[in-house]
Amino acid sequence: MAVLAGMVKNVLVIIILASFLEVLLPEGRVKPFVRFAIGLFIIIAVLNPILNALFDKREFEINLWDYQVSSEQEREILEKGNRINRQIAISTETGIKEKMEGQVSAVAMLVPGVKEVKTSATINDEGGLNKLDLIVRLEESEHLQKGGDTNVFLGGGDATTTKDKKQIEEKIRGVISNLYSFEDLKINVRFEGG
């Protein structure tokens, strides 16, 4: 009988406090959460005496703060954590490098006269960019005249002059440097086929 009296007393105290709290709360989104929390307290107030009566010889305490790890287990846990950390760092670094190479190639292809770009990025130990190597393939020059199966240069020289290549190279460097705010980054541009 004492268990039932204690249970009723606890439920009444919770209901009185809940009613007072509900009067203080404004209408809105918070009220359903408060009602849910109050319901949980009522369930705990009812179940706690019942569980204590049914299982009076058992102890329901869980003392996770007393968990002890041997030095060997601790070393093994730390080793596994470091291994996972290295795997994450390597996969992230590789993904970032590949994305950067793809983006730089796409941006460089926006420069007039550029047909294709292959980019290779070099990353330092801290994960920063050291340098970019670009292999640029130019569009066919308008100086070419097609005659049957052979291409004949009208100007008598290279299809793209050294001056044109230099301008394209400067534009590529300028676009990449301005877009990504690379000030001191070494950008090597090499033209395929010459």
C-alpha atoms as a PDB file:
ATOM      1  CA  MET A   1       0.000   0.000   0.000  1.00  0.00           C
ATOM      2  CA  ALA A   2       2.902   2.324   0.749  1.00  0.00           C
ATOM      3  CA  VAL A   3       4.193   1.805  -2.805  1.00  0.00           C
ATOM      4  CA  LEU A   4       0.847   2.842  -4.268  1.00  0.00           C
ATOM      5  CA  ALA A   5       0.642   5.901  -2.001  1.00  0.00           C
ATOM      6  CA  GLY A   6       4.164   6.985  -3.008  1.00  0.00           C
ATOM      7  CA  MET A   7       3.334   6.512  -6.681  1.00  0.00           C
ATOM      8  CA  VAL A   8       0.158   8.608  -6.449  1.00  0.00           C
ATOM      9  CA  LYS A   9       2.003  11.307  -4.494  1.00  0.00           C
ATOM     10  CA  ASN A  10       4.763  11.511  -7.148  1.00  0.00           C
ATOM     11  CA  VAL A  11       2.275  11.632 -10.035  1.00  0.00           C
ATOM     12  CA  LEU A  12       0.272  14.404  -8.310  1.00  0.00           C
ATOM     13  CA  VAL A  13       3.410  16.505  -7.739  1.00  0.00           C
ATOM     14  CA  ILE A  14       4.413  16.076 -11.397  1.00  0.00           C
ATOM     15  CA  ILE A  15       0.913  17.002 -12.610  1.00  0.00           C
ATOM     16  CA  ILE A  16       0.781  20.132 -10.416  1.00  0.00           C
ATOM     17  CA  LEU A  17       4.234  21.245 -11.626  1.00  0.00           C
ATOM     18  CA  ALA A  18       3.278  20.452 -15.226  1.00  0.00           C
ATOM     19  CA  SER A  19       0.077  22.514 -14.969  1.00  0.00           C
ATOM     20  CA  PHE A  20       2.003  25.463 -13.544  1.00  0.00           C
ATOM     21  CA  LEU A  21       4.672  25.146 -16.245  1.00  0.00           C
ATOM     22  CA  GLU A  22       2.059  24.911 -18.996  1.00  0.00           C
ATOM     23  CA  VAL A  23       0.398  28.137 -17.802  1.00  0.00           C
ATOM     24  CA  LEU A  24       3.756  29.934 -17.961  1.00  0.00           C
ATOM     25  CA  LEU A  25       4.643  28.732 -21.465  1.00  0.00           C
ATOM     26  CA  PRO A  26       3.366  30.748 -24.428  1.00  0.00           C
ATOM     27  CA  GLU A  27       1.383  29.077 -27.195  1.00  0.00           C
ATOM     28  CA  GLY A  28       3.683  27.755 -29.889  1.00  0.00           C
ATOM     29  CA  ARG A  29       5.994  24.958 -30.844  1.00  0.00           C
ATOM     30  CA  VAL A  30       7.481  24.365 -27.401  1.00  0.00           C
ATOM     31  CA  LYS A  31       4.294  23.198 -25.678  1.00  0.00           C
ATOM     32  CA  PRO A  32       4.105  19.735 -27.351  1.00  0.00           C
ATOM     33  CA  PHE A  33       7.691  18.992 -26.323  1.00  0.00           C
ATOM     34  CA  VAL A  34       6.988  20.015 -22.731  1.00  0.00           C
ATOM     35  CA  ARG A  35       3.905  17.792 -22.656  1.00  0.00           C
ATOM     36  CA  PHE A  36       5.981  14.910 -24.025  1.00  0.00           C
ATOM     37  CA  ALA A  37       8.654  15.422 -21.344  1.00  0.00           C
ATOM     38  CA  ILE A  38       5.989  15.572 -18.636  1.00  0.00           C
ATOM     39  CA  GLY A  39       4.504  12.318 -19.949  1.00  0.00           C
ATOM     40  CA  LEU A  40       7.929  10.672 -19.683  1.00  0.00           C
ATOM     41  CA  PHE A  41       8.285  11.864 -16.073  1.00  0.00           C
ATOM     42  CA  ILE A  42       4.879  10.412 -15.228  1.00  0.00           C
ATOM     43  CA  ILE A  43       5.835   7.063 -16.807  1.00  0.00           C
ATOM     44  CA  ILE A  44       9.078   7.027 -14.823  1.00  0.00           C
ATOM     45  CA  ALA A  45       7.216   7.935 -11.617  1.00  0.00           C
ATOM     46  CA  VAL A  46       4.844   4.996 -12.146  1.00  0.00           C
ATOM     47  CA  LEU A  47       7.389   2.408 -13.332  1.00  0.00           C
ATOM     48  CA  ASN A  48      10.156   3.145 -10.823  1.00  0.00           C
ATOM     49  CA  PRO A  49       8.271   1.869  -7.726  1.00  0.00           C
ATOM     50  CA  ILE A  50       6.917  -1.126  -9.659  1.00  0.00           C
ATOM     51  CA  LEU A  51      10.382  -2.154 -10.827  1.00  0.00           C
ATOM     52  CA  ASN A  52      11.795  -1.685  -7.333  1.00  0.00           C
ATOM     53  CA  ALA A  53       9.028  -3.894  -5.891  1.00  0.00           C
ATOM     54  CA  LEU A  54       9.412  -6.626  -8.505  1.00  0.00           C
ATOM     55  CA  PHE A  55      13.204  -6.698  -8.615  1.00  0.00           C
ATOM     56  CA  ASP A  56      14.198  -5.685  -5.097  1.00  0.00           C
ATOM     57  CA  LYS A  57      17.326  -7.839  -5.084  1.00  0.00           C
ATOM     58  CA  ARG A  58      18.679  -6.651  -8.441  1.00  0.00           C
ATOM     59  CA  GLU A  59      20.677  -3.550  -9.032  1.00  0.00           C
ATOM     60  CA  PHE A  60      19.861  -1.455 -12.111  1.00  0.00           C
ATOM     61  CA  GLU A  61      22.819   0.892 -11.863  1.00  0.00           C
ATOM     62  CA  ILE A  62      25.076   1.268 -14.855  1.00  0.00           C
ATOM     63  CA  ASN A  63      28.384   2.813 -13.989  1.00  0.00           C
ATOM     64  CA  LEU A  64      29.944   3.647 -17.315  1.00  0.00           C
ATOM     65  CA  TRP A  65      32.205   6.219 -15.691  1.00  0.00           C
ATOM     66  CA  ASP A  66      33.959   3.391 -13.850  1.00  0.00           C
ATOM     67  CA  TYR A  67      34.884   1.590 -17.101  1.00  0.00           C
ATOM     68  CA  GLN A  68      38.564   0.645 -17.038  1.00  0.00           C
ATOM     69  CA  VAL A  69      40.754  -0.046 -20.067  1.00  0.00           C
ATOM     70  CA  SER A  70      44.083  -1.826 -19.833  1.00  0.00           C
ATOM     71  CA  SER A  71      47.123  -0.108 -21.330  1.00  0.00           C
ATOM     72  CA  GLU A  72      47.261  -2.710 -24.127  1.00  0.00           C
ATOM     73  CA  GLN A  73      43.604  -2.119 -25.025  1.00  0.00           C
ATOM     74  CA  GLU A  74      44.166   1.638 -24.889  1.00  0.00           C
ATOM     75  CA  ARG A  75      47.158   1.367 -27.234  1.00  0.00           C
ATOM     76  CA  GLU A  76      45.124  -0.805 -29.633  1.00  0.00           C
ATOM     77  CA  ILE A  77      42.205   1.663 -29.609  1.00  0.00           C
ATOM     78  CA  LEU A  78      44.523   4.601 -30.285  1.00  0.00           C
ATOM     79  CA  GLU A  79      46.272   2.707 -33.085  1.00  0.00           C
ATOM     80  CA  LYS A  80      42.951   1.912 -34.782  1.00  0.00           C
ATOM     81  CA  GLY A  81      41.862   5.535 -34.402  1.00  0.00           C
ATOM     82  CA  ASN A  82      45.093   6.807 -35.952  1.00  0.00           C
ATOM     83  CA  ARG A  83      44.756   4.336 -38.843  1.00  0.00           C
ATOM     84  CA  ILE A  84      41.195   5.482 -39.543  1.00  0.00           C
ATOM     85  CA  ASN A  85      42.311   9.119 -39.310  1.00  0.00           C
ATOM     86  CA  ARG A  86      45.088   8.511 -41.878  1.00  0.00           C
ATOM     87  CA  GLN A  87      42.654   6.776 -44.260  1.00  0.00           C
ATOM     88  CA  ILE A  88      40.224   9.689 -44.021  1.00  0.00           C
ATOM     89  CA  ALA A  89      43.017  12.218 -44.599  1.00  0.00           C
ATOM     90  CA  ILE A  90      44.363  10.348 -47.643  1.00  0.00           C
ATOM     91  CA  SER A  91      40.955   9.908 -49.270  1.00  0.00           C
ATOM     92  CA  THR A  92      40.056  13.547 -48.593  1.00  0.00           C
ATOM     93  CA  GLU A  93      43.378  14.780 -49.965  1.00  0.00           C
ATOM     94  CA  THR A  94      43.012  12.644 -53.094  1.00  0.00           C
ATOM     95  CA  GLY A  95      39.440  13.815 -53.641  1.00  0.00           C
ATOM     96  CA  ILE A  96      40.377  17.463 -53.207  1.00  0.00           C
ATOM     97  CA  LYS A  97      43.336  17.080 -55.567  1.00  0.00           C
ATOM     98  CA  GLU A  98      41.196  15.455 -58.271  1.00  0.00           C
ATOM     99  CA  LYS A  99      38.473  18.091 -57.954  1.00  0.00           C
ATOM    100  CA  MET A 100      41.024  20.910 -58.099  1.00  0.00           C
ATOM    101  CA  GLU A 101      42.639  19.413 -61.210  1.00  0.00           C
ATOM    102  CA  GLY A 102      39.242  19.082 -62.908  1.00  0.00           C
ATOM    103  CA  GLN A 103      38.212  22.624 -62.023  1.00  0.00           C
ATOM    104  CA  VAL A 104      41.492  24.152 -63.186  1.00  0.00           C
ATOM    105  CA  SER A 105      41.283  22.208 -66.460  1.00  0.00           C
ATOM    106  CA  ALA A 106      37.709  23.412 -67.043  1.00  0.00           C
ATOM    107  CA  VAL A 107      38.625  27.026 -66.294  1.00  0.00           C
ATOM    108  CA  ALA A 108      41.700  26.906 -68.556  1.00  0.00           C
ATOM    109  CA  MET A 109      39.581  25.568 -71.417  1.00  0.00           C
ATOM    110  CA  LEU A 110      37.555  28.799 -71.296  1.00  0.00           C
ATOM    111  CA  VAL A 111      40.546  30.693 -72.689  1.00  0.00           C
ATOM    112  CA  PRO A 112      40.065  31.269 -76.438  1.00  0.00           C
ATOM    113  CA  GLY A 113      42.240  28.993 -78.579  1.00  0.00           C
ATOM    114  CA  VAL A 114      42.470  26.203 -75.985  1.00  0.00           C
ATOM    115  CA  LYS A 115      40.980  22.866 -76.994  1.00  0.00           C
ATOM    116  CA  GLU A 116      41.973  20.541 -74.147  1.00  0.00           C
ATOM    117  CA  VAL A 117      43.820  20.828 -70.834  1.00  0.00           C
ATOM    118  CA  LYS A 118      45.272  18.140 -68.588  1.00  0.00           C
ATOM    119  CA  THR A 119      46.120  19.391 -65.114  1.00  0.00           C
ATOM    120  CA  SER A 120      48.365  17.821 -62.492  1.00  0.00           C
ATOM    121  CA  ALA A 121      48.388  19.356 -59.004  1.00  0.00           C
ATOM    122  CA  THR A 122      51.160  18.884 -56.461  1.00  0.00           C
ATOM    123  CA  ILE A 123      50.074  19.040 -52.822  1.00  0.00           C
ATOM    124  CA  ASN A 124      52.436  19.624 -49.878  1.00  0.00           C
ATOM    125  CA  ASP A 125      52.435  17.841 -46.496  1.00  0.00           C
ATOM    126  CA  GLU A 126      50.025  20.352 -44.942  1.00  0.00           C
ATOM    127  CA  GLY A 127      47.462  19.738 -47.696  1.00  0.00           C
ATOM    128  CA  GLY A 128      48.168  23.021 -49.496  1.00  0.00           C
ATOM    129  CA  LEU A 129      48.782  23.388 -53.210  1.00  0.00           C
ATOM    130  CA  ASN A 130      52.466  23.566 -54.231  1.00  0.00           C
ATOM    131  CA  LYS A 131      52.209  23.881 -57.990  1.00  0.00           C
ATOM    132  CA  LEU A 132      50.050  23.217 -61.004  1.00  0.00           C
ATOM    133  CA  ASP A 133      51.296  21.610 -64.209  1.00  0.00           C
ATOM    134  CA  LEU A 134      49.043  22.155 -67.220  1.00  0.00           C
ATOM    135  CA  ILE A 135      49.436  20.408 -70.558  1.00  0.00           C
ATOM    136  CA  VAL A 136      47.517  22.475 -73.085  1.00  0.00           C
ATOM    137  CA  ARG A 137      46.359  21.342 -76.489  1.00  0.00           C
ATOM    138  CA  LEU A 138      45.412  24.210 -78.763  1.00  0.00           C
ATOM    139  CA  GLU A 139      42.643  24.371 -81.313  1.00  0.00           C
ATOM    140  CA  GLU A 140      43.745  23.993 -84.901  1.00  0.00           C
ATOM    141  CA  SER A 141      44.943  27.294 -86.250  1.00  0.00           C
ATOM    142  CA  GLU A 142      43.165  29.174 -88.988  1.00  0.00           C
ATOM    143  CA  HIS A 143      46.542  29.330 -90.762  1.00  0.00           C
ATOM    144  CA  LEU A 144      46.044  25.717 -91.874  1.00  0.00           C
ATOM    145  CA  GLN A 145      44.643  25.024 -95.293  1.00  0.00           C
ATOM    146  CA  LYS A 146      43.273  21.576 -95.927  1.00  0.00           C
ATOM    147  CA  GLY A 147      44.324  20.123 -99.204  1.00  0.00           C
ATOM    148  CA  GLY A 148      43.280  16.515 -99.715  1.00  0.00           C
ATOM    149  CA  ASP A 149      44.899  14.304 -97.073  1.00  0.00           C
ATOM    150  CA  THR A 150      47.615  16.810 -96.165  1.00  0.00           C
ATOM    151  CA  ASN A 151      47.571  20.035 -94.194  1.00  0.00           C
ATOM    152  CA  VAL A 152      49.607  22.857 -95.604  1.00  0.00           C
ATOM    153  CA  PHE A 153      50.675  25.929 -93.609  1.00  0.00           C
ATOM    154  CA  LEU A 154      49.826  29.149 -95.384  1.00  0.00           C
ATOM    155  CA  GLY A 155      52.233  31.223 -93.316  1.00  0.00           C
ATOM    156  CA  GLY A 156      55.096  28.828 -93.872  1.00  0.00           C
ATOM    157  CA  GLY A 157      55.676  28.351 -90.118  1.00  0.00           C
ATOM    158  CA  ASP A 158      54.116  26.893 -87.013  1.00  0.00           C
ATOM    159  CA  ALA A 159      50.319  26.945 -86.975  1.00  0.00           C
ATOM    160  CA  THR A 160      50.332  28.853 -83.658  1.00  0.00           C
ATOM    161  CA  THR A 161      53.116  31.359 -83.247  1.00  0.00           C
ATOM    162  CA  THR A 162      55.231  31.652 -80.135  1.00  0.00           C
ATOM    163  CA  LYS A 163      53.589  35.018 -79.505  1.00  0.00           C
ATOM    164  CA  ASP A 164      50.109  33.419 -79.588  1.00  0.00           C
ATOM    165  CA  LYS A 165      51.224  30.670 -77.222  1.00  0.00           C
ATOM    166  CA  LYS A 166      52.704  33.242 -74.842  1.00  0.00           C
ATOM    167  CA  GLN A 167      49.431  35.216 -74.820  1.00  0.00           C
ATOM    168  CA  ILE A 168      47.386  32.071 -74.217  1.00  0.00           C
ATOM    169  CA  GLU A 169      49.761  31.017 -71.437  1.00  0.00           C
ATOM    170  CA  GLU A 170      49.460  34.447 -69.757  1.00  0.00           C
ATOM    171  CA  LYS A 171      45.658  34.337 -70.035  1.00  0.00           C
ATOM    172  CA  ILE A 172      45.533  30.857 -68.512  1.00  0.00           C
ATOM    173  CA  ARG A 173      47.777  31.905 -65.614  1.00  0.00           C
ATOM    174  CA  GLY A 174      45.785  35.102 -65.101  1.00  0.00           C
ATOM    175  CA  VAL A 175      42.403  33.389 -65.092  1.00  0.00           C
ATOM    176  CA  ILE A 176      43.527  30.656 -62.686  1.00  0.00           C
ATOM    177  CA  SER A 177      45.377  33.065 -60.370  1.00  0.00           C
ATOM    178  CA  ASN A 178      42.459  35.504 -60.218  1.00  0.00           C
ATOM    179  CA  LEU A 179      39.760  32.892 -59.807  1.00  0.00           C
ATOM    180  CA  TYR A 180      41.479  30.942 -57.031  1.00  0.00           C
ATOM    181  CA  SER A 181      43.477  33.875 -55.532  1.00  0.00           C
ATOM    182  CA  PHE A 182      46.783  32.102 -56.136  1.00  0.00           C
ATOM    183  CA  GLU A 183      49.488  34.711 -55.706  1.00  0.00           C
ATOM    184  CA  ASP A 184      52.717  32.773 -55.218  1.00  0.00           C
ATOM    185  CA  LEU A 185      51.661  29.456 -56.715  1.00  0.00           C
ATOM    186  CA  LYS A 186      53.881  28.111 -59.471  1.00  0.00           C
ATOM    187  CA  ILE A 187      51.768  27.406 -62.568  1.00  0.00           C
ATOM    188  CA  ASN A 188      53.621  25.573 -65.349  1.00  0.00           C
ATOM    189  CA  VAL A 189      51.968  25.655 -68.756  1.00  0.00           C
ATOM    190  CA  ARG A 190      53.274  23.329 -71.447  1.00  0.00           C
ATOM    191  CA  PHE A 191      51.829  23.065 -74.916  1.00  0.00           C
ATOM    192  CA  GLU A 192      51.287  19.593 -76.293  1.00  0.00           C
ATOM    193  CA  GLY A 193      53.227  18.986 -79.454  1.00  0.00           C
ATOM    194  CA  GLY A 194      55.682  21.811 -78.988  1.00  0.00           C
END
